[in-house]
C-alpha atoms as a PDB file:
ATOM      1  CA  UNK A   1     200.644  16.297  73.554  1.00  0.00           C
ATOM      2  CA  UNK A   2     198.621  15.685  76.576  1.00  0.00           C
ATOM      3  CA  UNK A   3     198.412  17.429  79.897  1.00  0.00           C
ATOM      4  CA  UNK A   4     196.418  15.643  82.515  1.00  0.00           C
ATOM      5  CA  UNK A   5     194.947  18.767  84.074  1.00  0.00           C
ATOM      6  CA  UNK A   6     195.328  22.481  83.903  1.00  0.00           C
ATOM      7  CA  UNK A   7     197.585  24.318  86.309  1.00  0.00           C
ATOM      8  CA  UNK A   8     196.339  27.326  88.246  1.00  0.00           C
ATOM      9  CA  UNK A   9     196.570  30.459  86.137  1.00  0.00           C
ATOM     10  CA  UNK A  10     195.077  33.937  86.181  1.00  0.00           C
ATOM     11  CA  UNK A  11     192.035  34.552  83.945  1.00  0.00           C
ATOM     12  CA  UNK A  12     194.091  36.923  81.790  1.00  0.00           C
ATOM     13  CA  UNK A  13     196.897  34.385  81.336  1.00  0.00           C
ATOM     14  CA  UNK A  14     194.413  31.628  80.477  1.00  0.00           C
ATOM     15  CA  UNK A  15     192.672  33.838  77.922  1.00  0.00           C
ATOM     16  CA  UNK A  16     195.959  35.015  76.424  1.00  0.00           C
ATOM     17  CA  UNK A  17     197.229  31.428  76.079  1.00  0.00           C
ATOM     18  CA  UNK A  18     194.035  30.360  74.300  1.00  0.00           C
ATOM     19  CA  UNK A  19     194.071  33.432  72.040  1.00  0.00           C
ATOM     20  CA  UNK A  20     197.758  32.913  71.201  1.00  0.00           C
ATOM     21  CA  UNK A  21     197.166  29.288  70.201  1.00  0.00           C
ATOM     22  CA  UNK A  22     194.173  30.236  68.033  1.00  0.00           C
ATOM     23  CA  UNK A  23     196.082  32.940  66.153  1.00  0.00           C
ATOM     24  CA  UNK A  24     199.227  30.810  65.726  1.00  0.00           C
ATOM     25  CA  UNK A  25     197.239  27.810  64.508  1.00  0.00           C
ATOM     26  CA  UNK A  26     195.302  29.877  61.990  1.00  0.00           C
ATOM     27  CA  UNK A  27     198.412  31.665  60.734  1.00  0.00           C
ATOM     28  CA  UNK A  28     200.353  28.410  60.306  1.00  0.00           C
ATOM     29  CA  UNK A  29     197.832  26.972  57.834  1.00  0.00           C
ATOM     30  CA  UNK A  30     198.070  30.015  55.555  1.00  0.00           C
ATOM     31  CA  UNK A  31     201.853  30.330  55.854  1.00  0.00           C
ATOM     32  CA  UNK A  32     202.367  26.665  54.936  1.00  0.00           C
ATOM     33  CA  UNK A  33     199.930  26.980  52.040  1.00  0.00           C
ATOM     34  CA  UNK A  34     201.725  30.104  50.793  1.00  0.00           C
ATOM     35  CA  UNK A  35     205.177  28.501  50.845  1.00  0.00           C
ATOM     36  CA  UNK A  36     203.971  25.227  49.305  1.00  0.00           C
ATOM     37  CA  UNK A  37     202.505  27.175  46.383  1.00  0.00           C
ATOM     38  CA  UNK A  38     206.108  28.146  45.544  1.00  0.00           C
ATOM     39  CA  UNK A  39     208.083  25.242  46.993  1.00  0.00           C
ATOM     40  CA  UNK A  40     206.447  21.811  46.705  1.00  0.00           C
ATOM     41  CA  UNK A  41     208.994  19.776  48.705  1.00  0.00           C
ATOM     42  CA  UNK A  42     206.947  19.429  51.896  1.00  0.00           C
ATOM     43  CA  UNK A  43     209.193  16.818  53.574  1.00  0.00           C
ATOM     44  CA  UNK A  44     212.246  19.038  53.229  1.00  0.00           C
ATOM     45  CA  UNK A  45     210.245  21.948  54.607  1.00  0.00           C
ATOM     46  CA  UNK A  46     209.218  19.906  57.649  1.00  0.00           C
ATOM     47  CA  UNK A  47     212.843  18.829  58.163  1.00  0.00           C
ATOM     48  CA  UNK A  48     213.999  22.457  58.265  1.00  0.00           C
ATOM     49  CA  UNK A  49     211.154  23.368  60.652  1.00  0.00           C
ATOM     50  CA  UNK A  50     212.160  20.630  63.087  1.00  0.00           C
ATOM     51  CA  UNK A  51     215.864  21.432  62.737  1.00  0.00           C
ATOM     52  CA  UNK A  52     215.176  25.089  63.524  1.00  0.00           C
ATOM     53  CA  UNK A  53     213.159  24.054  66.602  1.00  0.00           C
ATOM     54  CA  UNK A  54     215.910  21.767  67.945  1.00  0.00           C
ATOM     55  CA  UNK A  55     218.679  24.312  67.340  1.00  0.00           C
ATOM     56  CA  UNK A  56     216.796  27.220  68.886  1.00  0.00           C
ATOM     57  CA  UNK A  57     215.940  25.309  72.063  1.00  0.00           C
ATOM     58  CA  UNK A  58     219.480  23.918  72.322  1.00  0.00           C
ATOM     59  CA  UNK A  59     221.030  27.394  71.947  1.00  0.00           C
ATOM     60  CA  UNK A  60     218.523  28.803  74.437  1.00  0.00           C
ATOM     61  CA  UNK A  61     219.497  26.130  76.963  1.00  0.00           C
ATOM     62  CA  UNK A  62     223.216  26.842  76.526  1.00  0.00           C
ATOM     63  CA  UNK A  63     222.638  30.570  76.991  1.00  0.00           C
ATOM     64  CA  UNK A  64     220.395  29.998  80.000  1.00  0.00           C
ATOM     65  CA  UNK A  65     217.162  31.253  78.441  1.00  0.00           C
ATOM     66  CA  UNK A  66     215.375  27.904  78.826  1.00  0.00           C
ATOM     67  CA  UNK A  67     215.399  25.383  81.662  1.00  0.00           C
ATOM     68  CA  UNK A  68     215.161  22.280  79.490  1.00  0.00           C
ATOM     69  CA  UNK A  69     217.042  19.364  81.019  1.00  0.00           C
ATOM     70  CA  UNK A  70     219.658  17.261  79.272  1.00  0.00           C
ATOM     71  CA  UNK A  71     218.479  14.570  76.874  1.00  0.00           C
ATOM     72  CA  UNK A  72     217.561  11.381  78.706  1.00  0.00           C
ATOM     73  CA  UNK A  73     217.829   8.144  76.713  1.00  0.00           C
ATOM     74  CA  UNK A  74     214.982   6.414  78.579  1.00  0.00           C
ATOM     75  CA  UNK A  75     212.637   9.341  77.969  1.00  0.00           C
ATOM     76  CA  UNK A  76     213.706   9.561  74.326  1.00  0.00           C
ATOM     77  CA  UNK A  77     212.980   5.855  73.861  1.00  0.00           C
ATOM     78  CA  UNK A  78     209.466   6.291  75.265  1.00  0.00           C
ATOM     79  CA  UNK A  79     208.770   9.315  73.072  1.00  0.00           C
ATOM     80  CA  UNK A  80     210.158   7.868  69.815  1.00  0.00           C
ATOM     81  CA  UNK A  81     206.926   6.166  68.606  1.00  0.00           C
ATOM     82  CA  UNK A  82     204.902   9.266  69.541  1.00  0.00           C
ATOM     83  CA  UNK A  83     207.302  11.487  67.600  1.00  0.00           C
ATOM     84  CA  UNK A  84     207.187   9.247  64.521  1.00  0.00           C
ATOM     85  CA  UNK A  85     203.386   9.319  64.356  1.00  0.00           C
ATOM     86  CA  UNK A  86     203.329  13.066  65.018  1.00  0.00           C
ATOM     87  CA  UNK A  87     205.710  13.820  62.170  1.00  0.00           C
ATOM     88  CA  UNK A  88     203.926  11.423  59.816  1.00  0.00           C
ATOM     89  CA  UNK A  89     200.730  13.343  60.534  1.00  0.00           C
ATOM     90  CA  UNK A  90     202.362  16.709  59.816  1.00  0.00           C
ATOM     91  CA  UNK A  91     204.188  15.431  56.716  1.00  0.00           C
ATOM     92  CA  UNK A  92     201.016  14.092  55.086  1.00  0.00           C
ATOM     93  CA  UNK A  93     199.103  17.224  56.136  1.00  0.00           C
ATOM     94  CA  UNK A  94     201.673  19.395  54.343  1.00  0.00           C
ATOM     95  CA  UNK A  95     201.498  17.133  51.288  1.00  0.00           C
ATOM     96  CA  UNK A  96     197.716  17.483  51.192  1.00  0.00           C
ATOM     97  CA  UNK A  97     197.936  21.293  51.344  1.00  0.00           C
ATOM     98  CA  UNK A  98     199.752  21.272  48.014  1.00  0.00           C
ATOM     99  CA  UNK A  99     196.582  20.203  46.206  1.00  0.00           C
ATOM    100  CA  UNK A 100     193.688  20.882  48.572  1.00  0.00           C
ATOM    101  CA  UNK A 101     192.246  24.339  49.207  1.00  0.00           C
ATOM    102  CA  UNK A 102     192.272  25.582  52.800  1.00  0.00           C
ATOM    103  CA  UNK A 103     188.525  25.253  53.559  1.00  0.00           C
ATOM    104  CA  UNK A 104     188.470  21.614  52.389  1.00  0.00           C
ATOM    105  CA  UNK A 105     191.734  20.844  54.188  1.00  0.00           C
ATOM    106  CA  UNK A 106     190.243  22.044  57.472  1.00  0.00           C
ATOM    107  CA  UNK A 107     187.039  20.091  56.822  1.00  0.00           C
ATOM    108  CA  UNK A 108     188.974  16.874  56.162  1.00  0.00           C
ATOM    109  CA  UNK A 109     191.069  17.317  59.304  1.00  0.00           C
ATOM    110  CA  UNK A 110     187.850  17.556  61.322  1.00  0.00           C
ATOM    111  CA  UNK A 111     187.390  13.845  60.614  1.00  0.00           C
ATOM    112  CA  UNK A 112     189.972  13.091  63.320  1.00  0.00           C
ATOM    113  CA  UNK A 113     187.417  12.826  66.171  1.00  0.00           C
ATOM    114  CA  UNK A 114     185.444  10.295  64.102  1.00  0.00           C
ATOM    115  CA  UNK A 115     188.578   8.225  63.548  1.00  0.00           C
ATOM    116  CA  UNK A 116     189.441   8.457  67.251  1.00  0.00           C
ATOM    117  CA  UNK A 117     185.972   7.268  68.276  1.00  0.00           C
ATOM    118  CA  UNK A 118     186.098   4.318  65.867  1.00  0.00           C
ATOM    119  CA  UNK A 119     189.572   3.395  67.128  1.00  0.00           C
ATOM    120  CA  UNK A 120     188.328   3.653  70.708  1.00  0.00           C
ATOM    121  CA  UNK A 121     185.697   0.991  69.997  1.00  0.00           C
ATOM    122  CA  UNK A 122     188.434  -1.493  69.065  1.00  0.00           C
ATOM    123  CA  UNK A 123     190.329  -0.607  72.238  1.00  0.00           C
ATOM    124  CA  UNK A 124     187.245  -1.325  74.341  1.00  0.00           C
ATOM    125  CA  UNK A 125     186.652   2.267  75.452  1.00  0.00           C
ATOM    126  CA  UNK A 126     183.284   3.397  76.778  1.00  0.00           C
ATOM    127  CA  UNK A 127     180.642   4.123  74.176  1.00  0.00           C
ATOM    128  CA  UNK A 128     180.507   7.864  73.379  1.00  0.00           C
ATOM    129  CA  UNK A 129     177.371   9.855  74.110  1.00  0.00           C
ATOM    130  CA  UNK A 130     174.677  10.239  71.471  1.00  0.00           C
ATOM    131  CA  UNK A 131     175.518  13.940  71.047  1.00  0.00           C
ATOM    132  CA  UNK A 132     179.209  13.242  70.461  1.00  0.00           C
ATOM    133  CA  UNK A 133     178.431  10.430  68.013  1.00  0.00           C
ATOM    134  CA  UNK A 134     175.935  12.500  66.021  1.00  0.00           C
ATOM    135  CA  UNK A 135     178.263  15.506  65.899  1.00  0.00           C
ATOM    136  CA  UNK A 136     181.177  13.557  64.416  1.00  0.00           C
ATOM    137  CA  UNK A 137     178.825  11.897  61.912  1.00  0.00           C
ATOM    138  CA  UNK A 138     177.616  15.375  60.932  1.00  0.00           C
ATOM    139  CA  UNK A 139     181.202  16.502  60.262  1.00  0.00           C
ATOM    140  CA  UNK A 140     181.726  13.466  58.010  1.00  0.00           C
ATOM    141  CA  UNK A 141     178.491  14.105  56.084  1.00  0.00           C
ATOM    142  CA  UNK A 142     179.583  17.719  55.641  1.00  0.00           C
ATOM    143  CA  UNK A 143     182.905  16.610  54.135  1.00  0.00           C
ATOM    144  CA  UNK A 144     181.153  14.344  51.600  1.00  0.00           C
ATOM    145  CA  UNK A 145     178.721  17.066  50.515  1.00  0.00           C
ATOM    146  CA  UNK A 146     181.498  19.676  50.318  1.00  0.00           C
ATOM    147  CA  UNK A 147     183.695  17.349  48.221  1.00  0.00           C
ATOM    148  CA  UNK A 148     180.873  16.893  45.671  1.00  0.00           C
ATOM    149  CA  UNK A 149     180.946  20.651  45.051  1.00  0.00           C
ATOM    150  CA  UNK A 150     184.721  21.143  45.183  1.00  0.00           C
ATOM    151  CA  UNK A 151     185.810  22.646  41.838  1.00  0.00           C
ATOM    152  CA  UNK A 152     189.472  22.047  42.721  1.00  0.00           C
ATOM    153  CA  UNK A 153     188.990  18.405  43.758  1.00  0.00           C
ATOM    154  CA  UNK A 154     192.398  16.729  43.986  1.00  0.00           C
ATOM    155  CA  UNK A 155     192.260  12.997  44.710  1.00  0.00           C
ATOM    156  CA  UNK A 156     195.943  12.900  45.709  1.00  0.00           C
ATOM    157  CA  UNK A 157     195.493  15.813  48.123  1.00  0.00           C
ATOM    158  CA  UNK A 158     192.363  14.246  49.618  1.00  0.00           C
ATOM    159  CA  UNK A 159     194.217  10.961  50.053  1.00  0.00           C
ATOM    160  CA  UNK A 160     197.115  12.686  51.794  1.00  0.00           C
ATOM    161  CA  UNK A 161     194.708  14.472  54.153  1.00  0.00           C
ATOM    162  CA  UNK A 162     192.940  11.222  55.063  1.00  0.00           C
ATOM    163  CA  UNK A 163     196.263   9.475  55.696  1.00  0.00           C
ATOM    164  CA  UNK A 164     197.207  12.449  57.886  1.00  0.00           C
ATOM    165  CA  UNK A 165     193.984  11.915  59.850  1.00  0.00           C
ATOM    166  CA  UNK A 166     194.945   8.256  60.330  1.00  0.00           C
ATOM    167  CA  UNK A 167     198.421   9.102  61.652  1.00  0.00           C
ATOM    168  CA  UNK A 168     197.051  11.852  63.877  1.00  0.00           C
ATOM    169  CA  UNK A 169     194.590   9.367  65.334  1.00  0.00           C
ATOM    170  CA  UNK A 170     197.315   6.804  66.000  1.00  0.00           C
ATOM    171  CA  UNK A 171     199.488   9.512  67.540  1.00  0.00           C
ATOM    172  CA  UNK A 172     196.719  10.658  69.880  1.00  0.00           C
ATOM    173  CA  UNK A 173     195.806   7.115  70.926  1.00  0.00           C
ATOM    174  CA  UNK A 174     199.473   6.354  71.593  1.00  0.00           C
ATOM    175  CA  UNK A 175     199.867   9.522  73.660  1.00  0.00           C
ATOM    176  CA  UNK A 176     196.946   8.541  75.864  1.00  0.00           C
ATOM    177  CA  UNK A 177     198.066   4.934  76.331  1.00  0.00           C
ATOM    178  CA  UNK A 178     201.791   5.572  76.852  1.00  0.00           C
ATOM    179  CA  UNK A 179     201.797   8.496  79.270  1.00  0.00           C
ATOM    180  CA  UNK A 180     205.420   8.959  78.170  1.00  0.00           C
ATOM    181  CA  UNK A 181     205.258  12.751  78.334  1.00  0.00           C
ATOM    182  CA  UNK A 182     204.283  13.081  82.007  1.00  0.00           C
ATOM    183  CA  UNK A 183     206.511  15.459  83.938  1.00  0.00           C
ATOM    184  CA  UNK A 184     208.027  17.161  80.888  1.00  0.00           C
ATOM    185  CA  UNK A 185     207.661  20.871  80.191  1.00  0.00           C
ATOM    186  CA  UNK A 186     206.356  22.240  76.892  1.00  0.00           C
ATOM    187  CA  UNK A 187     209.860  23.237  75.794  1.00  0.00           C
ATOM    188  CA  UNK A 188     211.255  19.793  76.630  1.00  0.00           C
ATOM    189  CA  UNK A 189     208.474  18.091  74.687  1.00  0.00           C
ATOM    190  CA  UNK A 190     209.189  20.297  71.686  1.00  0.00           C
ATOM    191  CA  UNK A 191     212.912  19.530  71.883  1.00  0.00           C
ATOM    192  CA  UNK A 192     212.494  15.746  72.128  1.00  0.00           C
ATOM    193  CA  UNK A 193     209.940  15.762  69.315  1.00  0.00           C
ATOM    194  CA  UNK A 194     212.177  17.787  67.011  1.00  0.00           C
ATOM    195  CA  UNK A 195     215.348  15.863  67.848  1.00  0.00           C
ATOM    196  CA  UNK A 196     213.794  12.420  67.437  1.00  0.00           C
ATOM    197  CA  UNK A 197     212.148  13.340  64.144  1.00  0.00           C
ATOM    198  CA  UNK A 198     215.324  14.480  62.369  1.00  0.00           C
ATOM    199  CA  UNK A 199     216.907  11.059  61.587  1.00  0.00           C
ATOM    200  CA  UNK A 200     213.615   9.740  60.191  1.00  0.00           C
ATOM    201  CA  UNK A 201     212.965  12.884  58.157  1.00  0.00           C
ATOM    202  CA  UNK A 202     216.507  12.908  56.743  1.00  0.00           C
ATOM    203  CA  UNK A 203     216.064   9.284  55.678  1.00  0.00           C
ATOM    204  CA  UNK A 204     212.715  10.056  54.044  1.00  0.00           C
ATOM    205  CA  UNK A 205     213.837  13.063  52.006  1.00  0.00           C
ATOM    206  CA  UNK A 206     216.686  10.925  50.627  1.00  0.00           C
ATOM    207  CA  UNK A 207     214.548   7.807  50.072  1.00  0.00           C
ATOM    208  CA  UNK A 208     211.763   9.757  48.329  1.00  0.00           C
ATOM    209  CA  UNK A 209     214.221  11.564  46.053  1.00  0.00           C
ATOM    210  CA  UNK A 210     213.480  15.054  47.388  1.00  0.00           C
ATOM    211  CA  UNK A 211     217.126  15.499  48.372  1.00  0.00           C
ATOM    212  CA  UNK A 212     219.386  16.898  46.941  1.00  0.00           C
ATOM    213  CA  UNK A 213     217.146  18.551  44.316  1.00  0.00           C
ATOM    214  CA  UNK A 214     214.980  20.114  47.020  1.00  0.00           C
ATOM    215  CA  UNK A 215     218.042  21.719  48.596  1.00  0.00           C
ATOM    216  CA  UNK A 216     219.365  23.195  45.340  1.00  0.00           C
ATOM    217  CA  UNK A 217     215.888  24.524  44.531  1.00  0.00           C
ATOM    218  CA  UNK A 218     215.641  26.037  47.990  1.00  0.00           C
ATOM    219  CA  UNK A 219     218.987  27.829  47.641  1.00  0.00           C
ATOM    220  CA  UNK A 220     217.872  29.121  44.257  1.00  0.00           C
ATOM    221  CA  UNK A 221     214.647  30.538  45.677  1.00  0.00           C
ATOM    222  CA  UNK A 222     216.115  32.253  48.751  1.00  0.00           C
ATOM    223  CA  UNK A 223     217.366  34.993  46.441  1.00  0.00           C
ATOM    224  CA  UNK A 224     213.770  36.174  46.462  1.00  0.00           C
ATOM    225  CA  UNK A 225     213.171  38.287  49.558  1.00  0.00           C
ATOM    226  CA  UNK A 226     209.450  37.442  49.580  1.00  0.00           C
ATOM    227  CA  UNK A 227     210.134  33.688  49.541  1.00  0.00           C
ATOM    228  CA  UNK A 228     212.871  33.998  52.182  1.00  0.00           C
ATOM    229  CA  UNK A 229     210.507  35.926  54.425  1.00  0.00           C
ATOM    230  CA  UNK A 230     207.800  33.246  54.108  1.00  0.00           C
ATOM    231  CA  UNK A 231     210.367  30.490  54.728  1.00  0.00           C
ATOM    232  CA  UNK A 232     211.609  32.142  57.926  1.00  0.00           C
ATOM    233  CA  UNK A 233     208.020  32.741  59.039  1.00  0.00           C
ATOM    234  CA  UNK A 234     207.246  29.079  58.418  1.00  0.00           C
ATOM    235  CA  UNK A 235     210.116  27.943  60.662  1.00  0.00           C
ATOM    236  CA  UNK A 236     209.367  30.460  63.396  1.00  0.00           C
ATOM    237  CA  UNK A 237     205.628  29.792  63.366  1.00  0.00           C
ATOM    238  CA  UNK A 238     206.237  26.030  63.551  1.00  0.00           C
ATOM    239  CA  UNK A 239     207.936  26.641  66.902  1.00  0.00           C
ATOM    240  CA  UNK A 240     205.314  29.162  68.043  1.00  0.00           C
ATOM    241  CA  UNK A 241     202.426  26.843  67.140  1.00  0.00           C
ATOM    242  CA  UNK A 242     203.792  23.883  69.109  1.00  0.00           C
ATOM    243  CA  UNK A 243     204.612  26.047  72.112  1.00  0.00           C
ATOM    244  CA  UNK A 244     201.221  27.810  72.226  1.00  0.00           C
ATOM    245  CA  UNK A 245     199.389  24.491  71.801  1.00  0.00           C
ATOM    246  CA  UNK A 246     201.222  22.959  74.775  1.00  0.00           C
ATOM    247  CA  UNK A 247     200.896  26.178  76.776  1.00  0.00           C
ATOM    248  CA  UNK A 248     197.145  26.480  76.167  1.00  0.00           C
ATOM    249  CA  UNK A 249     196.644  22.877  77.293  1.00  0.00           C
ATOM    250  CA  UNK A 250     198.751  23.364  80.437  1.00  0.00           C
ATOM    251  CA  UNK A 251     197.256  26.645  81.713  1.00  0.00           C
ATOM    252  CA  UNK A 252     193.694  25.847  80.610  1.00  0.00           C
ATOM    253  CA  UNK A 253     192.795  22.264  79.700  1.00  0.00           C
ATOM    254  CA  UNK A 254     192.826  19.845  76.799  1.00  0.00           C
ATOM    255  CA  UNK A 255     189.144  20.641  76.239  1.00  0.00           C
ATOM    256  CA  UNK A 256     189.856  24.366  75.910  1.00  0.00           C
ATOM    257  CA  UNK A 257     192.507  23.620  73.300  1.00  0.00           C
ATOM    258  CA  UNK A 258     189.983  21.514  71.392  1.00  0.00           C
ATOM    259  CA  UNK A 259     187.370  24.285  71.380  1.00  0.00           C
ATOM    260  CA  UNK A 260     189.915  26.904  70.331  1.00  0.00           C
ATOM    261  CA  UNK A 261     190.918  24.609  67.470  1.00  0.00           C
ATOM    262  CA  UNK A 262     187.316  24.445  66.246  1.00  0.00           C
ATOM    263  CA  UNK A 263     186.827  28.220  66.483  1.00  0.00           C
ATOM    264  CA  UNK A 264     190.125  28.703  64.637  1.00  0.00           C
ATOM    265  CA  UNK A 265     188.806  26.406  61.919  1.00  0.00           C
ATOM    266  CA  UNK A 266     185.734  28.598  61.441  1.00  0.00           C
ATOM    267  CA  UNK A 267     187.904  31.669  60.868  1.00  0.00           C
ATOM    268  CA  UNK A 268     190.363  29.823  58.642  1.00  0.00           C
ATOM    269  CA  UNK A 269     187.568  28.387  56.502  1.00  0.00           C
ATOM    270  CA  UNK A 270     186.097  31.854  55.965  1.00  0.00           C
ATOM    271  CA  UNK A 271     189.454  33.453  55.103  1.00  0.00           C
ATOM    272  CA  UNK A 272     190.360  30.480  52.907  1.00  0.00           C
ATOM    273  CA  UNK A 273     187.662  31.449  50.428  1.00  0.00           C
ATOM    274  CA  UNK A 274     189.241  34.813  49.698  1.00  0.00           C
ATOM    275  CA  UNK A 275     193.040  34.699  50.301  1.00  0.00           C
ATOM    276  CA  UNK A 276     195.883  32.944  48.433  1.00  0.00           C
ATOM    277  CA  UNK A 277     193.929  32.805  45.197  1.00  0.00           C
ATOM    278  CA  UNK A 278     190.603  32.123  46.869  1.00  0.00           C
ATOM    279  CA  UNK A 279     188.178  29.299  46.174  1.00  0.00           C
ATOM    280  CA  UNK A 280     185.407  29.153  43.566  1.00  0.00           C
ATOM    281  CA  UNK A 281     182.018  29.098  45.233  1.00  0.00           C
ATOM    282  CA  UNK A 282     179.625  26.208  44.700  1.00  0.00           C
ATOM    283  CA  UNK A 283     176.363  25.707  46.581  1.00  0.00           C
ATOM    284  CA  UNK A 284     177.187  22.082  47.502  1.00  0.00           C
ATOM    285  CA  UNK A 285     180.691  22.999  48.633  1.00  0.00           C
ATOM    286  CA  UNK A 286     179.548  25.878  50.837  1.00  0.00           C
ATOM    287  CA  UNK A 287     176.634  23.857  52.245  1.00  0.00           C
ATOM    288  CA  UNK A 288     178.936  20.955  53.082  1.00  0.00           C
ATOM    289  CA  UNK A 289     181.460  23.204  54.790  1.00  0.00           C
ATOM    290  CA  UNK A 290     178.706  24.841  56.862  1.00  0.00           C
ATOM    291  CA  UNK A 291     177.454  21.395  57.935  1.00  0.00           C
ATOM    292  CA  UNK A 292     181.013  20.276  58.704  1.00  0.00           C
ATOM    293  CA  UNK A 293     181.689  23.398  60.791  1.00  0.00           C
ATOM    294  CA  UNK A 294     178.370  23.003  62.633  1.00  0.00           C
ATOM    295  CA  UNK A 295     179.366  19.433  63.457  1.00  0.00           C
ATOM    296  CA  UNK A 296     182.699  20.654  64.819  1.00  0.00           C
ATOM    297  CA  UNK A 297     181.051  23.284  67.017  1.00  0.00           C
ATOM    298  CA  UNK A 298     178.452  20.767  68.221  1.00  0.00           C
ATOM    299  CA  UNK A 299     181.194  18.277  69.033  1.00  0.00           C
ATOM    300  CA  UNK A 300     183.063  20.840  71.142  1.00  0.00           C
ATOM    301  CA  UNK A 301     179.854  21.774  72.974  1.00  0.00           C
ATOM    302  CA  UNK A 302     179.038  18.104  73.648  1.00  0.00           C
ATOM    303  CA  UNK A 303     182.538  17.501  75.042  1.00  0.00           C
ATOM    304  CA  UNK A 304     182.203  20.647  77.164  1.00  0.00           C
ATOM    305  CA  UNK A 305     178.937  19.341  78.625  1.00  0.00           C
ATOM    306  CA  UNK A 306     180.580  15.996  79.398  1.00  0.00           C
ATOM    307  CA  UNK A 307     183.407  17.787  81.182  1.00  0.00           C
ATOM    308  CA  UNK A 308     180.975  20.032  83.058  1.00  0.00           C
ATOM    309  CA  UNK A 309     178.897  17.067  84.242  1.00  0.00           C
ATOM    310  CA  UNK A 310     181.952  15.222  85.581  1.00  0.00           C
ATOM    311  CA  UNK A 311     183.516  17.638  88.115  1.00  0.00           C
ATOM    312  CA  UNK A 312     186.909  16.838  89.629  1.00  0.00           C
ATOM    313  CA  UNK A 313     187.430  13.926  87.277  1.00  0.00           C
ATOM    314  CA  UNK A 314     190.457  14.211  84.991  1.00  0.00           C
ATOM    315  CA  UNK A 315     189.477  13.445  81.421  1.00  0.00           C
ATOM    316  CA  UNK A 316     191.985  12.698  78.682  1.00  0.00           C
ATOM    317  CA  UNK A 317     190.880  14.472  75.520  1.00  0.00           C
ATOM    318  CA  UNK A 318     192.580  12.865  72.538  1.00  0.00           C
ATOM    319  CA  UNK A 319     191.433  15.580  70.137  1.00  0.00           C
ATOM    320  CA  UNK A 320     193.320  18.394  71.896  1.00  0.00           C
ATOM    321  CA  UNK A 321     196.106  18.402  69.299  1.00  0.00           C
ATOM    322  CA  UNK A 322     194.278  19.246  66.025  1.00  0.00           C
ATOM    323  CA  UNK A 323     196.347  20.929  63.161  1.00  0.00           C
END
């Protein structure tokens, strides 16, 4: 969710916010992958993550630990479409993780800037620079090459990831056009997002047939301490990830959050080859992932140069909220 400009913060605080977001974002991918390897009901998992977020913030407000204001109907109405697209993005991303290995998942999610640029053309936005255009094309070429060498190719997982990219793009475009989140704190944004998502998620887990089987399976698995620990970590890290993402954007800038997301992706891709069962190496797959990562780094550098060459002008970076 977007912050128009960064607030004044000490260098240490700015660095700590960026570092916190990078670590939380990287950890969340592996935690979700680990729990989905044992519990495939991703929609139910997302429902519990959002429920935990809403309850924790509500309890914190009652006890005086947070300064979140009371729910405002007008604000909730403005944020409802944003929340729906956000949760659709996360839901399809979780579904894709069930069949796609972590390096390929990260590569596919890097297609979001390309989708945003294409969408921007239809909305009549200014033509992107040559460097930005070439960098996003490079990420797409990298995905195609990597997919040709993916031993664990899963067409359903790839489809879910691409649909997630679509919803993330729509969410980001809507955020920029609506401006509905202006004036809200990070905690308030998290609370509205979690609260508004619950009715839709509850409807979906019933409509898709996940519930009540997913609930009985969950209760059966919590007898395992290892699974319970991962489940709790998943809920806690869902809150931590959202908070650190908003915090990094507020005390730094949307561009900083984008760059941290790319650097996180480099680390996650590397670790993804060796943890949680690892990934079989193939020359095409590795080459494609290297090209995709290079495109992501180039994109961040190109956006940084654009920002640097336009001093004192507030730029809205749609890609600040990458998963």
